[in-house]
Amino acid sequence: LVSAMNCVQLLGQIGLDPIIRQVEGENPVTIFSLPANEMWIWHPAVLLLCTLGDISQKMTWNRLSVFRLGLKDVTYQYVRKGSQIIIEGKIDYGEYTDKNNV
């Protein structure tokens, strides 16, 4: 039996103030964004020979949703753009259907 784990940790500064959004038929949810920066070196076998040009980076914006009662209210009330936070949670890709049923 193979086990799997869905766990993520993000550390960064909030991109925009959190908002509260009402999801159809659900309780309100607090939403905000948090960037994550990845850095890597193209030639790890020859680290000593790498120049600064060999280092690459990529910024990914993560849209985060807080559903837990109490925590979503505290997040909305106290977290602001520029606040540095650490998040631990799970990745859950929601499904979306547009007006063309795609």
N, C-alpha and C. Protein backbone atom coordinates (compact mmCIF):
# COMPACT_ATOMS: atom_id res chain seq x y z
N LEU A 1 0.85 -1.18 0.00
CA LEU A 1 0.00 0.00 0.00
C LEU A 1 0.89 1.24 0.00
N VAL A 2 0.67 2.13 -0.97
CA VAL A 2 1.43 3.36 -1.09
C VAL A 2 0.64 4.48 -0.43
N SER A 3 1.31 5.23 0.43
CA SER A 3 0.63 6.36 1.06
C SER A 3 1.02 7.65 0.36
N ALA A 4 0.17 8.64 0.46
CA ALA A 4 0.42 9.94 -0.15
C ALA A 4 0.07 11.02 0.86
N MET A 5 0.62 12.21 0.63
CA MET A 5 0.36 13.30 1.55
C MET A 5 0.13 14.58 0.75
N ASN A 6 -0.85 15.36 1.14
CA ASN A 6 -1.15 16.64 0.53
C ASN A 6 -0.92 17.72 1.57
N CYS A 7 0.29 18.28 1.60
CA CYS A 7 0.65 19.28 2.60
C CYS A 7 1.54 20.33 1.94
N VAL A 8 1.28 21.59 2.23
CA VAL A 8 2.08 22.66 1.65
C VAL A 8 2.37 23.71 2.72
N GLN A 9 3.57 24.29 2.65
CA GLN A 9 3.94 25.42 3.51
C GLN A 9 4.39 26.55 2.61
N LEU A 10 3.88 27.74 2.88
CA LEU A 10 4.27 28.93 2.13
C LEU A 10 4.66 30.02 3.12
N LEU A 11 5.70 30.76 2.79
CA LEU A 11 6.17 31.87 3.60
C LEU A 11 6.33 33.06 2.67
N GLY A 12 5.74 34.18 3.02
CA GLY A 12 5.88 35.35 2.17
C GLY A 12 5.08 36.52 2.68
N GLN A 13 5.02 37.55 1.83
CA GLN A 13 4.27 38.76 2.17
C GLN A 13 2.99 38.81 1.35
N ILE A 14 1.90 39.13 2.01
CA ILE A 14 0.59 39.20 1.39
C ILE A 14 0.61 40.21 0.25
N GLY A 15 0.03 39.85 -0.90
CA GLY A 15 0.01 40.72 -2.07
C GLY A 15 -1.05 41.81 -2.00
N LEU A 16 -2.23 41.49 -1.52
CA LEU A 16 -3.34 42.44 -1.38
C LEU A 16 -4.08 42.15 -0.09
N ASP A 17 -4.79 43.15 0.41
CA ASP A 17 -5.62 42.93 1.60
C ASP A 17 -6.61 41.80 1.33
N PRO A 18 -6.87 40.96 2.32
CA PRO A 18 -7.85 39.88 2.15
C PRO A 18 -9.25 40.43 1.88
N ILE A 19 -10.04 39.63 1.17
CA ILE A 19 -11.44 39.96 0.94
C ILE A 19 -12.29 38.80 1.43
N ILE A 20 -13.54 39.09 1.74
CA ILE A 20 -14.48 38.02 2.09
C ILE A 20 -15.41 37.85 0.90
N ARG A 21 -15.55 36.61 0.46
CA ARG A 21 -16.41 36.31 -0.68
C ARG A 21 -17.43 35.26 -0.29
N GLN A 22 -18.65 35.48 -0.72
CA GLN A 22 -19.72 34.52 -0.48
C GLN A 22 -19.74 33.52 -1.63
N VAL A 23 -19.58 32.25 -1.31
CA VAL A 23 -19.62 31.18 -2.31
C VAL A 23 -21.05 30.64 -2.32
N GLU A 24 -21.58 30.37 -3.52
CA GLU A 24 -22.96 29.90 -3.65
C GLU A 24 -23.30 28.78 -2.68
N GLY A 25 -24.31 29.01 -1.85
CA GLY A 25 -24.79 27.98 -0.94
C GLY A 25 -23.83 27.60 0.17
N GLU A 26 -22.75 28.33 0.33
CA GLU A 26 -21.75 28.02 1.35
C GLU A 26 -21.57 29.20 2.29
N ASN A 27 -20.82 28.98 3.34
CA ASN A 27 -20.46 30.06 4.25
C ASN A 27 -19.45 30.98 3.58
N PRO A 28 -19.36 32.24 4.01
CA PRO A 28 -18.36 33.15 3.44
C PRO A 28 -16.94 32.60 3.62
N VAL A 29 -16.04 32.98 2.71
CA VAL A 29 -14.66 32.53 2.75
C VAL A 29 -13.75 33.75 2.62
N THR A 30 -12.62 33.75 3.34
CA THR A 30 -11.64 34.83 3.23
C THR A 30 -10.59 34.43 2.20
N ILE A 31 -10.31 35.33 1.26
CA ILE A 31 -9.40 35.04 0.15
C ILE A 31 -8.29 36.09 0.11
N PHE A 32 -7.06 35.64 -0.12
CA PHE A 32 -5.93 36.55 -0.31
C PHE A 32 -4.87 35.85 -1.15
N SER A 33 -3.87 36.60 -1.60
CA SER A 33 -2.81 36.03 -2.43
C SER A 33 -1.46 36.14 -1.73
N LEU A 34 -0.62 35.15 -2.01
CA LEU A 34 0.71 35.08 -1.40
C LEU A 34 1.69 34.60 -2.47
N PRO A 35 2.75 35.38 -2.76
CA PRO A 35 3.72 34.93 -3.76
C PRO A 35 4.72 33.93 -3.18
N ALA A 36 5.19 33.05 -4.03
CA ALA A 36 6.27 32.13 -3.68
C ALA A 36 7.33 32.23 -4.77
N ASN A 37 8.57 32.40 -4.37
CA ASN A 37 9.67 32.56 -5.30
C ASN A 37 10.52 31.30 -5.31
N GLU A 38 10.74 30.74 -6.49
CA GLU A 38 11.60 29.56 -6.64
C GLU A 38 12.91 30.01 -7.28
N MET A 39 14.02 29.48 -6.81
CA MET A 39 15.32 29.75 -7.42
C MET A 39 16.03 28.43 -7.66
N TRP A 40 16.71 28.31 -8.80
CA TRP A 40 17.44 27.09 -9.10
C TRP A 40 18.65 27.41 -9.98
N ILE A 41 19.59 26.49 -9.98
CA ILE A 41 20.80 26.62 -10.79
C ILE A 41 20.73 25.56 -11.88
N TRP A 42 21.00 25.96 -13.10
CA TRP A 42 20.85 25.05 -14.24
C TRP A 42 21.85 23.91 -14.23
N HIS A 43 23.05 24.10 -13.69
CA HIS A 43 24.09 23.08 -13.73
C HIS A 43 24.54 22.72 -12.32
N PRO A 44 23.74 21.96 -11.57
CA PRO A 44 24.08 21.68 -10.16
C PRO A 44 25.36 20.86 -10.00
N ALA A 45 25.77 20.11 -11.03
CA ALA A 45 26.97 19.28 -10.91
C ALA A 45 28.24 20.12 -10.90
N VAL A 46 28.16 21.33 -11.40
CA VAL A 46 29.34 22.19 -11.47
C VAL A 46 29.06 23.52 -10.76
N LEU A 47 28.60 23.44 -9.53
CA LEU A 47 28.23 24.65 -8.79
C LEU A 47 29.36 25.67 -8.71
N LEU A 48 30.59 25.19 -8.58
CA LEU A 48 31.70 26.11 -8.43
C LEU A 48 31.98 26.89 -9.71
N LEU A 49 31.54 26.36 -10.84
CA LEU A 49 31.80 27.02 -12.12
C LEU A 49 30.64 27.90 -12.57
N CYS A 50 29.54 27.89 -11.85
CA CYS A 50 28.36 28.65 -12.26
C CYS A 50 28.57 30.14 -12.04
N THR A 51 28.06 30.90 -12.97
CA THR A 51 28.06 32.35 -12.81
C THR A 51 26.65 32.77 -12.41
N LEU A 52 26.50 34.03 -12.07
CA LEU A 52 25.19 34.52 -11.66
C LEU A 52 24.15 34.32 -12.76
N GLY A 53 24.58 34.33 -14.01
CA GLY A 53 23.66 34.13 -15.13
C GLY A 53 23.04 32.75 -15.17
N ASP A 54 23.63 31.78 -14.47
CA ASP A 54 23.10 30.42 -14.46
C ASP A 54 21.97 30.23 -13.46
N ILE A 55 21.73 31.22 -12.61
CA ILE A 55 20.68 31.12 -11.61
C ILE A 55 19.38 31.64 -12.20
N SER A 56 18.33 30.86 -12.09
CA SER A 56 17.01 31.26 -12.58
C SER A 56 16.04 31.34 -11.42
N GLN A 57 14.99 32.12 -11.62
CA GLN A 57 13.96 32.20 -10.60
C GLN A 57 12.59 32.38 -11.24
N LYS A 58 11.57 31.99 -10.48
CA LYS A 58 10.20 32.09 -10.97
C LYS A 58 9.31 32.47 -9.79
N MET A 59 8.46 33.45 -10.00
CA MET A 59 7.50 33.88 -8.98
C MET A 59 6.14 33.27 -9.32
N THR A 60 5.52 32.62 -8.34
CA THR A 60 4.18 32.05 -8.51
C THR A 60 3.27 32.68 -7.47
N TRP A 61 2.13 33.19 -7.93
CA TRP A 61 1.15 33.76 -7.02
C TRP A 61 0.16 32.68 -6.62
N ASN A 62 -0.01 32.49 -5.34
CA ASN A 62 -0.93 31.49 -4.80
C ASN A 62 -2.16 32.19 -4.26
N ARG A 63 -3.32 31.77 -4.74
CA ARG A 63 -4.58 32.30 -4.22
C ARG A 63 -5.02 31.39 -3.09
N LEU A 64 -5.13 31.95 -1.90
CA LEU A 64 -5.43 31.16 -0.71
C LEU A 64 -6.83 31.47 -0.20
N SER A 65 -7.51 30.44 0.24
CA SER A 65 -8.86 30.57 0.79
C SER A 65 -8.88 30.02 2.21
N VAL A 66 -9.47 30.78 3.12
CA VAL A 66 -9.58 30.36 4.52
C VAL A 66 -11.05 30.08 4.79
N PHE A 67 -11.35 28.82 5.11
CA PHE A 67 -12.73 28.39 5.34
C PHE A 67 -13.06 28.24 6.82
N ARG A 68 -12.06 27.96 7.65
CA ARG A 68 -12.29 27.63 9.06
C ARG A 68 -12.92 28.80 9.80
N LEU A 69 -14.04 28.52 10.45
CA LEU A 69 -14.76 29.52 11.23
C LEU A 69 -13.82 30.08 12.30
N GLY A 70 -13.81 31.37 12.47
CA GLY A 70 -12.91 32.01 13.44
C GLY A 70 -11.61 32.42 12.77
N LEU A 71 -10.90 31.48 12.14
CA LEU A 71 -9.64 31.78 11.48
C LEU A 71 -9.86 32.70 10.29
N LYS A 72 -10.93 32.47 9.53
CA LYS A 72 -11.19 33.34 8.38
C LYS A 72 -11.50 34.77 8.83
N ASP A 73 -12.15 34.92 9.99
CA ASP A 73 -12.46 36.26 10.51
C ASP A 73 -11.20 36.95 11.01
N VAL A 74 -10.34 36.23 11.72
CA VAL A 74 -9.08 36.79 12.21
C VAL A 74 -8.19 37.18 11.03
N THR A 75 -8.15 36.35 10.00
CA THR A 75 -7.35 36.65 8.81
C THR A 75 -7.83 37.95 8.17
N TYR A 76 -9.13 38.07 7.99
CA TYR A 76 -9.70 39.27 7.36
C TYR A 76 -9.45 40.52 8.21
N GLN A 77 -9.52 40.37 9.51
CA GLN A 77 -9.41 41.52 10.41
C GLN A 77 -7.97 42.01 10.59
N TYR A 78 -6.99 41.11 10.63
CA TYR A 78 -5.63 41.50 11.01
C TYR A 78 -4.57 41.40 9.91
N VAL A 79 -4.77 40.59 8.91
CA VAL A 79 -3.76 40.43 7.85
C VAL A 79 -3.95 41.53 6.81
N ARG A 80 -2.87 42.19 6.45
CA ARG A 80 -2.91 43.28 5.48
C ARG A 80 -1.81 43.11 4.43
N LYS A 81 -1.97 43.82 3.31
CA LYS A 81 -0.97 43.81 2.25
C LYS A 81 0.40 44.09 2.87
N GLY A 82 1.38 43.25 2.56
CA GLY A 82 2.73 43.41 3.08
C GLY A 82 3.01 42.62 4.35
N SER A 83 1.95 42.12 5.01
CA SER A 83 2.15 41.29 6.21
C SER A 83 2.91 40.03 5.83
N GLN A 84 3.92 39.69 6.61
CA GLN A 84 4.64 38.44 6.36
C GLN A 84 4.00 37.33 7.19
N ILE A 85 3.63 36.26 6.52
CA ILE A 85 2.98 35.14 7.21
C ILE A 85 3.54 33.82 6.71
N ILE A 86 3.32 32.80 7.48
CA ILE A 86 3.62 31.43 7.06
C ILE A 86 2.30 30.67 7.10
N ILE A 87 2.06 29.93 6.05
CA ILE A 87 0.81 29.19 5.88
C ILE A 87 1.13 27.70 5.81
N GLU A 88 0.35 26.91 6.48
CA GLU A 88 0.43 25.46 6.33
C GLU A 88 -0.97 24.97 6.03
N GLY A 89 -1.09 24.17 4.99
CA GLY A 89 -2.41 23.68 4.61
C GLY A 89 -2.30 22.60 3.57
N LYS A 90 -3.35 22.47 2.75
CA LYS A 90 -3.36 21.48 1.68
C LYS A 90 -3.78 22.14 0.39
N ILE A 91 -3.39 21.55 -0.71
CA ILE A 91 -3.77 22.04 -2.02
C ILE A 91 -5.08 21.37 -2.41
N ASP A 92 -6.04 22.20 -2.82
CA ASP A 92 -7.33 21.70 -3.27
C ASP A 92 -7.72 22.49 -4.50
N TYR A 93 -7.63 21.87 -5.66
CA TYR A 93 -7.96 22.54 -6.90
C TYR A 93 -9.46 22.48 -7.11
N GLY A 94 -10.11 23.63 -7.04
CA GLY A 94 -11.56 23.70 -7.23
C GLY A 94 -11.91 23.52 -8.70
N GLU A 95 -13.13 23.11 -8.92
CA GLU A 95 -13.63 22.97 -10.29
C GLU A 95 -14.45 24.19 -10.65
N TYR A 96 -14.38 24.59 -11.92
CA TYR A 96 -15.08 25.77 -12.39
C TYR A 96 -15.70 25.45 -13.74
N THR A 97 -16.94 25.82 -13.93
CA THR A 97 -17.61 25.65 -15.22
C THR A 97 -18.01 27.03 -15.72
N ASP A 98 -17.55 27.38 -16.93
CA ASP A 98 -17.88 28.70 -17.46
C ASP A 98 -19.26 28.69 -18.12
N LYS A 99 -19.63 29.80 -18.74
CA LYS A 99 -20.97 29.93 -19.32
C LYS A 99 -21.19 28.98 -20.50
N ASN A 100 -20.11 28.43 -21.08
CA ASN A 100 -20.22 27.47 -22.18
C ASN A 100 -20.15 26.03 -21.68
N ASN A 101 -20.29 25.84 -20.37
CA ASN A 101 -20.21 24.51 -19.74
C ASN A 101 -18.87 23.81 -19.97
N VAL A 102 -17.82 24.57 -20.01
CA VAL A 102 -16.47 24.01 -20.18
C VAL A 102 -15.74 24.10 -18.86
